[in-house]
Amino acid sequence: MTLLPVADALARVLADIAPPVEEVVPITEAAGRVLAQDLAAKLTQPPFDASAMDGYAVHGDGAALIGMQWRVIGESAAGRGFTGEVGLGQAVRIFTGAPVPQGCGTVVIQEDISRAGDLITAIDRTALGANIRRAGDDFSQGQVLLTRGRRLEAHTVTLAAAMGYGAVPVARRPVVAILATGDEVVPPGTLPGPDQIVSSNPVGLAALVAETGGVVRFLGIAPDRMEAITAGIADARDADVLVTIGGASVGDHDLVGAALKEQGLDLAFWKVALRPGKPLMFGRLGAQRALGLPGNPVSALVTARVFLVPLIRALLGEPAEARKLETAILTAPLEANGPRLHLMRARLGRDAAGALTVTPSRSQDSSLLAALVEADALIWREPETREAEAGELVRVERLD
């Protein structure tokens, strides 16, 4: 069977995704969510000319020159503006954030004023219009500041609140059901039998799903029996994405593919030109997307980064982004690559000149989790790439 290139496989995974279902959440619960609509400001910020400093708002529209004098007739504080008239030769004591009174065109900071009773004198020059934040300097009512598909973070949630939103429209989080398979795996915290290991993949995949914005549904571990795997698949029927782990290869006990087909899977591909992660399967069960990941831990996590993470983001309505690759100086030679894209675990560093370097992990065995944890990057080796010597530039992706 010809292996499908990674780019073509990803295109099939992301094909025909409908706009996300919209729901409204309180602004206090919006962090990490993805906007389902553009947000236009409901307010103008600042809503009035406001003082940028503590000082004195002085009458007129001219500069304040050394020796000029004004008589203080009142005070303007944040939340309690001065409402009277400010005439020639008059000033108002003002504090940061307070409205600038009508008739005042400049705020002189308190350090540049000498005060005796109600009489103030400028002891330094202040430019015309200084220390005033004009109404609308930040944004104006009706201005679109946050667009659909944007993930809300601390600074964007703050902006949305300032724009006048107590609740925001966001994309419903896709539900990702995770089904582990195999007689050889047991749940974390369970003592494995003599021929068993701990099922760690679902935990790591769940963390990746949650970080990306999905909702995790654990389906447990299905033993290597067709009826058990079929039942697990049926339990996930209302999830947006079904992720199976293991059992997607060609062994006598690899029953996941057969069980999915029995449930009506419309297979889009099986096997991709990727290392690690060749035995990857993807298809549709009606509206549901089913992704069959390899059982080896590194293979499962790497293929999830390449395929599952972009799928969740697309279901959330986030715009497609190119992978964030950068170049680094190789510190050790690499053999020529074969017909598959090889994502090699590696460690980043800096040389004496401060340039980014990358050192491949000693072992690229797809079952070694400790080596994956020590790595903070993947080296992208394209198919049929020649050998590379230390000192050459290679493309790397950071593992955030």
Foldseek 3Di string as FASTA:
>chain_A
DDFAALVVVQCVLLPPFDQFDKDKDFLVPQAQFFASFFDFFQAWVPQAKWFQAFAKFAADQFKAAFFQKAFEDEEWEAVRGDADDHDPRHIYGYHGGTHRYPRGFDGDHHVQWDDDHRMIGGHHIGGGNPRIDGTRNPHHGGHGDGGGQDRHHDVNSVVSVVSPGRMGMGGDAFEEEEEEEEPQEDDPPDDGDPRHDHQCQVVVLCVLSVSLRHHYDYLYYFYLDLVSLLVSVVVCVPGQEYEYEALQDPDPSSCNVVSCVVLPWPWPDAAHQEPPWGGWTWTDNDNHIYIYTYHARQRRVVVCVSHVSQSSSVNRVHDDDDADKDKAFEAAKFAFAAQGWYWFFWAWDADPVRTIHIYTQPDRPSNDPVSNVRGFKTWTHHHRGHIGGGGDMTMIHGRD
